[in-house]
Protein backbone atom coordinates (compact mmCIF):
# COMPACT_ATOMS: atom_id res chain seq x y z
CA MET A 1 -44.08 22.45 -15.60
CA ARG A 2 -45.80 23.95 -12.60
CA ASN A 3 -43.99 26.57 -10.60
CA ALA A 4 -42.25 24.97 -7.64
CA THR A 5 -43.89 27.33 -5.19
CA THR A 6 -47.32 25.83 -5.88
CA ARG A 7 -46.12 22.56 -4.39
CA LYS A 8 -44.17 23.92 -1.46
CA THR A 9 -44.88 23.20 2.18
CA THR A 10 -42.79 25.45 4.38
CA LEU A 11 -41.40 23.99 7.57
CA GLY A 12 -38.52 26.43 7.74
CA GLY A 13 -37.79 27.94 11.09
CA ILE A 14 -38.18 24.61 12.86
CA GLY A 15 -35.23 24.32 15.17
CA LEU A 16 -31.90 26.10 15.15
CA THR A 17 -29.05 24.86 13.02
CA ALA A 18 -25.89 23.81 14.74
CA VAL A 19 -24.04 26.32 12.62
CA ALA A 20 -26.24 29.24 13.60
CA ALA A 21 -25.62 28.45 17.24
CA LEU A 22 -21.92 28.93 16.61
CA LEU A 23 -22.04 32.31 14.90
CA LEU A 24 -20.23 33.92 17.79
CA THR A 25 -17.34 31.48 17.75
CA GLY A 26 -14.36 33.36 19.11
CA CYS A 27 -12.84 36.23 17.21
CA GLY A 28 -9.11 35.78 17.16
CA GLY A 29 -6.28 38.17 17.45
CA GLY A 30 -3.19 36.63 15.88
CA ASP A 31 -0.01 36.43 17.90
CA GLY A 32 2.22 35.45 15.02
CA GLY A 33 1.85 31.72 15.62
CA GLY A 34 4.93 31.21 17.78
CA ASP A 35 6.83 28.41 16.04
CA SER A 36 4.84 28.77 12.84
CA ALA A 37 6.68 29.08 9.53
CA ASN A 38 4.31 31.93 8.68
CA ALA A 39 4.82 33.83 11.93
CA GLY A 40 4.64 37.58 11.43
CA THR A 41 3.84 37.56 7.72
CA LEU A 42 0.44 39.12 8.37
CA ASP A 43 1.25 41.27 11.38
CA GLY A 44 -1.10 44.26 11.49
CA ALA A 45 -3.68 42.78 9.12
CA GLU A 46 -7.27 43.18 10.33
CA LEU A 47 -9.68 40.95 8.38
CA THR A 48 -13.27 39.78 8.69
CA ALA A 49 -14.14 36.16 8.01
CA GLY A 50 -17.43 35.24 6.38
CA SER A 51 -19.09 31.99 5.42
CA LYS A 52 -22.39 30.56 4.29
CA GLU A 53 -24.65 29.05 6.91
CA PHE A 54 -23.90 25.35 6.48
CA THR A 55 -21.28 23.40 8.37
CA GLU A 56 -18.70 22.91 5.65
CA SER A 57 -18.57 26.60 4.82
CA VAL A 58 -18.13 27.51 8.49
CA VAL A 59 -15.40 24.89 8.98
CA LEU A 60 -13.51 26.13 5.93
CA SER A 61 -13.70 29.70 7.16
CA GLN A 62 -12.46 28.67 10.61
CA ILE A 63 -9.54 26.82 9.00
CA THR A 64 -8.71 29.97 7.07
CA SER A 65 -9.11 32.25 10.09
CA LEU A 66 -6.83 30.13 12.24
CA ALA A 67 -4.17 29.95 9.53
CA LEU A 68 -4.21 33.70 9.02
CA GLU A 69 -4.19 34.34 12.78
CA ASP A 70 -1.22 32.02 13.02
CA ALA A 71 0.56 34.38 10.64
CA GLY A 72 -0.26 37.40 12.80
CA ALA A 73 -3.60 38.64 11.45
CA SER A 74 -6.49 39.74 13.63
CA ILE A 75 -9.74 38.10 12.45
CA GLU A 76 -13.30 39.17 13.20
CA ASP A 77 -15.78 36.28 12.91
CA GLN A 78 -18.88 36.94 10.81
CA THR A 79 -19.43 33.34 9.71
CA GLY A 80 -22.85 31.77 9.21
CA ILE A 81 -24.40 34.24 6.73
CA SER A 82 -27.57 32.81 5.24
CA GLY A 83 -27.65 32.44 1.45
CA SER A 84 -25.03 32.51 -1.28
CA ALA A 85 -26.19 35.85 -2.65
CA THR A 86 -26.04 37.46 0.78
CA VAL A 87 -22.52 36.33 1.63
CA ARG A 88 -21.28 37.31 -1.83
CA GLU A 89 -22.79 40.78 -1.40
CA ALA A 90 -21.08 41.04 1.97
CA LEU A 91 -17.75 40.36 0.25
CA GLU A 92 -18.38 42.89 -2.50
CA THR A 93 -19.42 45.62 -0.03
CA ASP A 94 -16.43 45.14 2.31
CA GLU A 95 -18.53 43.73 5.16
CA ILE A 96 -16.34 40.63 5.08
CA ASP A 97 -12.93 40.05 3.55
CA PHE A 98 -13.05 36.39 2.56
CA TYR A 99 -15.18 33.27 2.38
CA TRP A 100 -15.14 29.94 0.53
CA ASP A 101 -17.32 29.47 -2.52
CA TYR A 102 -17.83 26.81 -5.18
CA THR A 103 -17.17 26.84 -8.92
CA GLY A 104 -20.74 25.82 -9.77
CA THR A 105 -22.15 28.65 -7.70
CA GLY A 106 -19.70 31.04 -9.31
CA TRP A 107 -20.58 29.94 -12.83
CA VAL A 108 -24.36 29.96 -12.48
CA ASN A 109 -25.39 32.20 -9.61
CA ILE A 110 -22.65 34.81 -9.60
CA LEU A 111 -21.74 35.04 -13.26
CA GLY A 112 -25.23 34.31 -14.61
CA ASN A 113 -24.43 31.38 -16.90
CA THR A 114 -26.58 28.30 -17.47
CA THR A 115 -25.92 24.66 -16.65
CA GLU A 116 -26.23 23.71 -20.32
CA GLU A 117 -22.83 24.94 -21.49
CA VAL A 118 -20.16 24.43 -18.88
CA PRO A 119 -16.48 24.87 -19.81
CA GLU A 120 -14.15 21.92 -19.33
CA ASP A 121 -11.91 23.87 -16.95
CA LEU A 122 -14.65 25.44 -14.86
CA PHE A 123 -12.35 26.86 -12.20
CA ALA A 124 -10.24 28.70 -14.76
CA ALA A 125 -13.34 30.10 -16.44
CA VAL A 126 -14.90 31.26 -13.18
CA SER A 127 -11.74 32.77 -11.71
CA GLU A 128 -10.92 34.61 -14.93
CA ALA A 129 -14.43 35.99 -15.36
CA ASP A 130 -14.82 37.00 -11.71
CA ALA A 131 -11.51 38.84 -11.82
CA GLU A 132 -13.40 41.41 -13.90
CA ASN A 133 -15.56 41.97 -10.80
CA GLY A 134 -12.52 42.53 -8.61
CA ILE A 135 -12.85 39.15 -6.91
CA ALA A 136 -9.92 36.72 -6.66
CA TRP A 137 -10.33 32.95 -6.43
CA LEU A 138 -7.32 31.30 -4.80
CA ASP A 139 -6.25 27.92 -6.15
CA ALA A 140 -9.09 25.45 -5.73
CA ALA A 141 -8.95 22.59 -3.24
CA PRO A 142 -9.28 19.03 -4.59
CA PHE A 143 -12.64 18.41 -2.88
CA GLU A 144 -15.92 18.84 -4.73
CA ASN A 145 -19.16 19.36 -2.80
CA THR A 146 -22.03 18.93 -5.21
CA TYR A 147 -25.78 19.00 -4.82
CA ARG A 148 -27.33 15.55 -4.87
CA ILE A 149 -30.66 13.86 -4.19
CA ALA A 150 -30.65 11.05 -1.63
CA VAL A 151 -33.07 8.49 -0.25
CA LYS A 152 -33.03 5.97 2.56
CA GLN A 153 -31.03 2.86 1.71
CA ASP A 154 -33.99 0.52 2.26
CA PHE A 155 -36.25 2.69 0.08
CA ALA A 156 -33.65 2.60 -2.69
CA ASP A 157 -33.30 -1.18 -2.39
CA GLU A 158 -37.06 -1.80 -2.38
CA ASN A 159 -37.64 0.32 -5.48
CA GLY A 160 -34.47 -0.29 -7.46
CA LEU A 161 -33.27 3.31 -7.21
CA VAL A 162 -29.63 3.75 -8.16
CA THR A 163 -29.62 6.72 -10.54
CA GLN A 164 -31.55 9.95 -10.83
CA SER A 165 -33.13 8.52 -13.98
CA ASP A 166 -34.42 5.60 -11.90
CA ALA A 167 -35.89 8.09 -9.48
CA ALA A 168 -37.53 10.14 -12.25
CA GLU A 169 -39.25 7.05 -13.60
CA PHE A 170 -40.37 6.05 -10.10
CA ILE A 171 -41.68 9.54 -9.27
CA ASN A 172 -43.69 9.79 -12.48
CA ALA A 173 -45.29 6.42 -11.71
CA ASN A 174 -45.76 6.96 -7.96
CA PRO A 175 -46.67 10.58 -7.21
CA ASP A 176 -47.93 9.56 -3.77
CA GLN A 177 -44.30 8.73 -2.87
CA ALA A 178 -42.68 11.73 -4.48
CA ARG A 179 -42.10 14.29 -1.74
CA VAL A 180 -38.77 16.06 -1.50
CA CYS A 181 -37.26 17.89 1.47
CA ALA A 182 -35.08 20.79 0.34
CA ALA A 183 -33.68 24.10 1.52
CA SER A 184 -34.85 27.43 0.12
CA GLU A 185 -31.77 28.11 -1.98
CA PHE A 186 -31.88 24.72 -3.75
CA ILE A 187 -35.60 25.14 -4.43
CA ASN A 188 -35.06 28.39 -6.28
CA ARG A 189 -31.72 27.91 -8.07
CA ASP A 190 -31.57 27.09 -11.78
CA ASP A 191 -28.78 24.64 -10.99
CA GLY A 192 -30.96 23.18 -8.25
CA LEU A 193 -34.46 21.76 -8.15
CA PRO A 194 -36.14 23.50 -11.14
CA GLY A 195 -33.31 22.58 -13.49
CA LEU A 196 -33.07 19.03 -12.13
CA GLU A 197 -36.76 18.36 -12.75
CA GLU A 198 -36.55 19.75 -16.26
CA ALA A 199 -33.38 17.84 -17.15
CA TYR A 200 -34.76 14.49 -16.02
CA GLY A 201 -38.38 15.04 -17.06
CA PHE A 202 -40.16 14.59 -13.75
CA GLU A 203 -41.79 16.63 -11.02
CA PHE A 204 -41.91 16.07 -7.29
CA SER A 205 -45.50 16.02 -6.03
CA GLU A 206 -44.65 18.11 -2.97
CA ILE A 207 -41.72 20.27 -1.90
CA VAL A 208 -41.17 20.51 1.83
CA GLU A 209 -38.92 23.46 2.62
CA LEU A 210 -36.66 22.87 5.61
CA GLU A 211 -33.50 24.24 7.10
CA LEU A 212 -30.70 22.34 5.41
CA ASN A 213 -29.54 20.67 8.63
CA LEU A 214 -33.00 19.20 9.24
CA ILE A 215 -33.27 17.44 5.88
CA TYR A 216 -31.05 14.51 6.78
CA THR A 217 -33.30 13.34 9.61
CA GLN A 218 -36.56 13.95 7.73
CA VAL A 219 -35.85 11.80 4.67
CA GLY A 220 -37.80 8.59 5.12
CA ASP A 221 -40.29 10.32 7.40
CA THR A 222 -41.53 13.69 6.10
CA CYS A 223 -40.17 13.06 2.59
CA GLU A 224 -39.08 10.16 0.43
CA PHE A 225 -36.32 12.24 -1.21
CA GLY A 226 -33.99 14.90 0.09
CA GLU A 227 -31.44 17.47 -1.06
CA VAL A 228 -28.00 16.67 0.31
CA PHE A 229 -24.38 17.70 -0.18
CA SER A 230 -21.99 15.04 -1.44
CA THR A 231 -19.35 15.66 1.26
CA ASP A 232 -21.84 15.59 4.15
CA ALA A 233 -21.13 12.79 6.62
CA ARG A 234 -24.78 12.72 7.66
CA VAL A 235 -25.65 10.87 4.46
CA ALA A 236 -23.97 7.75 5.82
CA SER A 237 -24.89 8.31 9.48
CA ASN A 238 -28.58 8.50 8.54
CA ASP A 239 -28.44 5.35 6.38
CA MET A 240 -29.04 7.24 3.16
CA VAL A 241 -27.78 6.62 -0.37
CA ILE A 242 -27.00 9.29 -2.95
CA LEU A 243 -28.61 8.84 -6.36
CA GLU A 244 -26.14 8.88 -9.23
CA ASP A 245 -26.47 11.96 -11.45
CA ASP A 246 -26.31 9.78 -14.57
CA GLN A 247 -27.16 12.63 -16.95
CA GLU A 248 -24.53 14.85 -15.31
CA PHE A 249 -26.91 17.71 -14.64
CA PHE A 250 -25.18 19.10 -11.59
CA VAL A 251 -22.33 21.48 -12.27
CA GLU A 252 -18.94 20.83 -10.65
CA TYR A 253 -18.74 22.47 -7.22
CA GLN A 254 -15.05 22.63 -6.42
CA GLY A 255 -14.25 24.66 -3.33
CA ALA A 256 -11.98 27.70 -3.31
CA MET A 257 -11.31 30.65 -1.05
CA THR A 258 -12.54 33.97 -2.48
CA LEU A 259 -11.54 37.48 -1.50
CA ARG A 260 -11.40 40.94 -3.03
CA GLN A 261 -8.40 41.47 -5.29
CA GLU A 262 -7.52 44.63 -3.37
CA THR A 263 -7.21 42.56 -0.19
CA LEU A 264 -4.96 40.04 -1.92
CA ASP A 265 -2.86 42.87 -3.37
CA GLU A 266 -2.42 44.32 0.11
CA TYR A 267 -1.66 40.95 1.71
CA PRO A 268 -0.22 38.64 -0.98
CA ALA A 269 1.02 36.27 1.74
CA ILE A 270 -2.57 35.03 2.10
CA ALA A 271 -2.26 33.02 -1.11
CA GLU A 272 1.06 31.50 0.02
CA ILE A 273 -0.36 30.58 3.42
CA MET A 274 -3.50 28.99 2.02
CA ALA A 275 -1.95 27.00 -0.85
CA PRO A 276 -0.61 24.05 1.18
CA ILE A 277 -3.80 23.99 3.25
CA SER A 278 -6.12 23.86 0.24
CA GLU A 279 -4.07 21.01 -1.26
CA LYS A 280 -4.95 18.79 1.69
CA LEU A 281 -8.72 19.40 1.61
CA THR A 282 -9.88 16.25 -0.16
CA ASN A 283 -13.42 14.84 -0.28
CA GLU A 284 -12.50 12.38 2.46
CA THR A 285 -11.03 15.12 4.64
CA MET A 286 -14.06 17.37 4.29
CA MET A 287 -16.47 14.53 5.04
CA GLU A 288 -14.49 13.71 8.18
CA LEU A 289 -14.38 17.33 9.37
CA ASN A 290 -18.07 17.88 8.61
CA GLY A 291 -18.93 14.70 10.49
CA LYS A 292 -17.10 15.83 13.61
CA VAL A 293 -19.38 18.85 13.74
CA ASP A 294 -22.68 17.45 12.50
CA THR A 295 -22.49 13.93 13.92
CA ASP A 296 -20.19 14.26 16.92
CA GLY A 297 -21.32 17.74 17.97
CA GLU A 298 -17.89 19.34 18.08
CA ASP A 299 -17.29 23.06 17.65
CA PRO A 300 -16.23 24.03 14.09
CA ARG A 301 -13.31 26.10 15.31
CA ASP A 302 -12.05 23.27 17.53
CA VAL A 303 -12.33 20.84 14.62
CA ALA A 304 -10.45 23.24 12.35
CA GLU A 305 -7.69 23.86 14.89
CA GLU A 306 -7.16 20.17 15.63
CA TRP A 307 -6.88 19.33 11.93
CA LEU A 308 -4.46 22.17 11.19
CA GLN A 309 -2.23 21.20 14.09
CA ASP A 310 -2.33 17.50 13.18
CA GLN A 311 -1.24 18.41 9.66
CA GLY A 312 1.55 20.64 10.96
CA LEU A 313 0.00 23.65 9.19
CA ILE A 314 -0.10 25.98 12.20
CA GLY A 315 1.98 26.29 15.33
CA GLY A 316 0.94 24.40 18.41
């Protein structure tokens, strides 16, 4: 198989992601939350919030920040860090105190395992192994945000594309219609594009590297295929369909808040505060919250605050 970089057309740097524009979303100083059940439990705590650059990660971090502020913590906002490796390094080096990560990323990219042998209880395996690195994974939320490949609905209908195996067969037979739009991280991850091509026995004829937020509007124009996230509301709003991963290549990506164990030891109330919040973060909830930002243009912090208040999870 040819190296992916020999097929790559770089269009990165076109435009500014909605998330990047919100990097300076207000830093909060907690006031104890007024009528909140958690009022005062984190008085005096000074923490820095981090996140990856895409919408869901920022929204999750804003949800966390608001909940901790509601309990009295003061939160500095450093959300929107580009790249999984970069945000993880920021956590390890005390530049940030928490961010949300995914079990698949933990298993492959952080812990260095392969996608070929994945334990049945992936969260337990990841959290136990990462504890050796001094990193705590709080109880996972029920949502799972996995990598997927998507195409326009009409393109799928015209060519009988339902599964990734269908797509592999089509791509091998039609290299002139085998361009994929993908972000840099997916292009280079073993649990991303290189592994996907190997597992299904095909090869995209051209890789067009884009900022993640641009992919959704470029599928059907610049590319026939595109990397997407399964909880992203822009799949539906852009009339796209996700191809079924019928060979189950993609590792489970269940979301969980991560922080240094020393931080959790100092402020054990964080786990108690976040537990009822995480329980409510289903696939449907995350798709709705992501859509309010990406489709409706709302501010991630406003979206997070409205949801928390509607759920009765923070004081009004």
